[in-house]
Protein backbone atom coordinates (compact mmCIF):
# COMPACT_ATOMS: atom_id res chain seq x y z
CA MET A 1 -27.80 -26.73 4.72
CA SER A 2 -27.30 -26.41 1.01
CA ARG A 3 -24.93 -24.33 -1.07
CA VAL A 4 -26.17 -22.21 -3.91
CA ARG A 5 -24.26 -20.19 -6.43
CA ALA A 6 -24.83 -16.48 -6.05
CA SER A 7 -24.88 -14.43 -9.18
CA GLY A 8 -24.00 -10.79 -8.91
CA THR A 9 -25.51 -8.01 -10.90
CA HIS A 10 -22.76 -5.70 -12.04
CA SER A 11 -23.19 -2.39 -13.75
CA GLY A 12 -22.00 -3.58 -17.13
CA MET A 13 -19.58 -0.68 -17.45
CA GLN A 14 -16.67 -2.95 -16.64
CA LYS A 15 -17.39 -5.09 -19.72
CA GLN A 16 -15.68 -2.37 -21.73
CA LEU A 17 -12.51 -2.61 -19.64
CA GLU A 18 -9.51 -4.86 -19.73
CA PRO A 19 -8.80 -6.33 -16.26
CA ILE A 20 -5.23 -5.01 -16.37
CA ASP A 21 -6.48 -1.42 -16.88
CA LEU A 22 -8.73 -1.80 -13.87
CA ALA A 23 -5.98 -3.34 -11.71
CA THR A 24 -3.50 -0.62 -12.68
CA CYS A 25 -5.96 2.18 -11.90
CA VAL A 26 -6.93 0.66 -8.54
CA GLU A 27 -3.30 0.09 -7.56
CA SER A 28 -2.38 3.65 -8.50
CA SER A 29 -5.21 5.02 -6.37
CA LEU A 30 -4.35 2.80 -3.41
CA HIS A 31 -0.65 3.65 -3.75
CA THR A 32 -1.37 7.34 -3.21
CA SER A 33 -3.41 6.61 -0.08
CA LEU A 34 -1.29 3.90 1.56
CA ASP A 35 1.64 4.50 3.82
CA GLY A 36 4.42 2.09 2.95
CA PHE A 37 4.73 -1.60 2.25
CA ASP A 38 4.24 -3.04 5.72
CA LEU A 39 0.51 -3.57 6.10
CA PRO A 40 0.16 -6.36 8.66
CA ARG A 41 -3.18 -7.59 7.30
CA ALA A 42 -4.50 -8.38 3.83
CA ARG A 43 -7.35 -6.14 2.74
CA LEU A 44 -10.42 -6.69 0.59
CA TYR A 45 -12.00 -3.83 -1.34
CA GLY A 46 -15.08 -3.48 -3.51
CA VAL A 47 -14.66 -1.30 -6.59
CA SER A 48 -17.37 0.60 -8.42
CA ILE A 49 -16.47 1.94 -11.86
CA VAL A 50 -17.51 5.57 -12.26
CA ASP A 51 -15.89 6.37 -15.60
CA PRO A 52 -14.45 3.57 -17.79
CA ASP A 53 -12.51 6.03 -19.98
CA ALA A 54 -10.88 7.52 -16.87
CA VAL A 55 -9.94 3.99 -15.74
CA ARG A 56 -8.16 3.37 -19.05
CA SER A 57 -6.19 6.59 -18.71
CA ASN A 58 -5.70 6.19 -14.95
CA ARG A 59 -7.34 9.49 -14.00
CA ASN A 60 -8.70 10.60 -10.64
CA GLY A 61 -12.39 10.02 -10.13
CA ALA A 62 -12.47 6.87 -12.27
CA LEU A 63 -13.39 4.58 -9.38
CA ARG A 64 -15.01 4.36 -5.99
CA ILE A 65 -13.01 2.02 -3.79
CA SER A 66 -14.72 0.73 -0.66
CA PHE A 67 -12.84 -1.02 2.12
CA LEU A 68 -14.71 -4.22 3.03
CA ALA A 69 -12.56 -6.34 5.35
CA GLU A 70 -9.09 -7.28 6.49
CA HIS A 71 -7.46 -10.36 7.97
CA GLY A 72 -3.98 -11.50 8.95
CA ASP A 73 -4.27 -14.44 6.52
CA VAL A 74 -5.16 -13.57 2.92
CA TYR A 75 -6.63 -17.03 2.29
CA GLU A 76 -8.94 -16.85 5.30
CA LEU A 77 -10.00 -13.38 4.19
CA LEU A 78 -10.91 -14.62 0.73
CA ASP A 79 -12.59 -17.78 2.01
CA ALA A 80 -14.79 -16.03 4.58
CA PRO A 81 -18.48 -16.20 3.60
CA SER A 82 -18.82 -12.51 4.44
CA SER A 83 -16.28 -11.65 1.72
CA ALA A 84 -18.88 -12.59 -0.90
CA ILE A 85 -20.23 -9.06 -0.40
CA ALA A 86 -17.49 -8.00 -2.82
CA ARG A 87 -19.67 -9.39 -5.63
CA MET A 88 -22.04 -6.47 -5.13
CA PHE A 89 -19.40 -4.29 -6.80
CA ASP A 90 -18.04 -4.13 -10.34
CA ALA A 91 -14.80 -5.71 -9.10
CA ALA A 92 -13.13 -7.08 -5.99
CA VAL A 93 -9.58 -6.17 -5.05
CA VAL A 94 -7.22 -7.91 -2.68
CA LEU A 95 -4.20 -6.05 -1.35
CA THR A 96 -1.42 -7.76 0.56
CA CYS A 97 2.18 -6.97 1.48
CA GLY A 98 5.06 -9.33 2.00
CA TRP A 99 8.50 -10.38 0.90
CA ALA A 100 9.60 -11.45 -2.55
CA ALA A 101 12.85 -13.17 -3.46
CA PRO A 102 14.36 -14.43 -6.69
CA ILE A 103 13.60 -18.00 -7.61
CA ASP A 104 16.86 -19.89 -8.02
CA ARG A 105 16.43 -22.02 -11.10
CA ASP A 106 19.95 -23.39 -10.80
CA GLU A 107 19.66 -27.05 -9.86
CA SER A 108 23.36 -27.50 -9.12
CA PRO A 109 24.26 -29.06 -5.73
CA GLU A 110 25.85 -25.86 -4.37
CA HIS A 111 22.50 -24.01 -4.81
CA GLU A 112 20.36 -26.86 -3.54
CA ASP A 113 19.37 -25.16 -0.26
CA SER A 114 18.61 -21.68 -1.69
CA SER A 115 15.13 -22.69 -2.88
CA GLU A 116 14.19 -23.70 0.66
CA VAL A 117 14.97 -20.29 2.15
CA PRO A 118 11.76 -18.35 2.87
CA PRO A 119 11.58 -15.06 0.93
CA SER A 120 11.70 -13.09 4.21
CA GLN A 121 15.13 -14.61 4.99
CA HIS A 122 16.60 -14.59 1.48
CA PRO A 123 19.66 -12.31 1.11
CA GLN A 124 18.09 -10.70 -2.00
CA ARG A 125 14.63 -10.21 -0.48
CA ARG A 126 12.52 -7.23 -1.45
CA ARG A 127 9.45 -5.79 0.25
CA VAL A 128 6.45 -5.96 -2.07
CA ARG A 129 2.83 -4.86 -2.22
CA LEU A 130 0.48 -6.87 -4.41
CA VAL A 131 -2.89 -5.72 -5.70
CA VAL A 132 -5.07 -8.34 -7.39
CA SER A 133 -8.26 -7.29 -9.14
CA VAL A 134 -11.01 -9.66 -10.27
CA CYS A 135 -14.14 -8.90 -12.27
CA ASP A 136 -16.38 -10.65 -14.78
CA ASN A 137 -13.72 -10.11 -17.48
CA GLY A 138 -10.90 -11.78 -15.57
CA VAL A 139 -8.09 -11.29 -13.11
CA ALA A 140 -5.06 -9.01 -13.23
CA SER A 141 -2.43 -7.98 -10.72
CA VAL A 142 0.04 -5.20 -10.05
CA LEU A 143 3.21 -5.48 -7.95
CA ARG A 144 5.12 -2.55 -6.52
CA PHE A 145 8.42 -2.94 -4.68
CA ALA A 146 9.46 -0.74 -1.76
CA ASP A 147 12.95 -0.21 -3.20
CA THR A 148 11.58 0.96 -6.59
CA PRO A 149 8.22 2.55 -5.68
CA GLY A 150 7.96 4.46 -8.96
CA ASP A 151 7.85 1.25 -10.99
CA ILE A 152 5.13 -1.36 -11.26
CA VAL A 153 5.10 -4.92 -12.56
CA THR A 154 1.82 -6.03 -14.12
CA ASP A 155 0.27 -9.38 -14.89
CA ALA A 156 -2.74 -9.47 -17.20
CA GLY A 157 -4.07 -12.74 -15.85
CA SER A 158 -1.41 -15.38 -16.38
CA ALA A 159 -0.58 -15.83 -12.68
CA ARG A 160 -1.16 -19.33 -11.32
CA GLY A 161 -1.17 -20.77 -7.84
CA SER A 162 -3.12 -20.81 -4.62
CA LEU A 163 -3.71 -17.04 -4.42
CA ALA A 164 -4.92 -16.86 -8.03
CA ASP A 165 -7.26 -19.77 -7.33
CA ALA A 166 -8.57 -18.15 -4.12
CA VAL A 167 -9.27 -14.82 -5.88
CA ASN A 168 -11.06 -16.57 -8.74
CA ASN A 169 -13.12 -18.60 -6.27
CA LEU A 170 -14.13 -15.44 -4.42
CA TRP A 171 -15.56 -13.96 -7.60
CA ARG A 172 -16.81 -16.96 -9.50
CA ASP A 173 -17.88 -19.34 -6.74
CA PRO A 174 -18.76 -17.40 -3.60
CA LYS A 175 -19.89 -19.47 -0.68
CA VAL A 176 -23.49 -18.72 0.16
CA VAL A 177 -25.08 -21.02 2.68
CA ILE A 178 -28.82 -21.22 3.11
CA SER A 179 -30.16 -22.81 6.23
CA ARG A 180 -33.59 -24.36 6.07
CA GLU A 181 -35.46 -25.11 9.20
CA THR A 182 -38.43 -27.43 9.20
CA VAL A 183 -41.43 -25.94 10.89
CA GLU A 184 -43.68 -28.50 12.53
């Protein structure tokens, strides 16, 4: 078996868009169709851009969003070879729900244990839905909290960590395995 890098052919329309505009438009569309902040499985979508100007202004009809897969573990979803199908679209989008909690930057001894509390058990926890969009122009994400559903928090690509790496790997280094059999 050998690995080869797959190169997608995207429509080119998305080259005119900033990743944050795309992420915001996708999140807005998904927000209107989703029921709550308790999805038990991460989801992967493929996004086709219909009208770049409508994406920028967040109008209906700007995108076609196709559900591709879901999994209980976002990293397994992104790492699955079948998820490379997302590269057939102008962008891939990952949606996941979970808990968020403040990061205690106080290093004093009385706060020593607070950083070890999982977000789901933290007294100031908040339910969150995260949408991460990746395309040839980059990555961007949008957060929406259940307790303030009318507000969004955006990141235009500065996020770091294992999820950011996994999303980038999905788009930029999809796993395609070719099996070669010797015929005798």
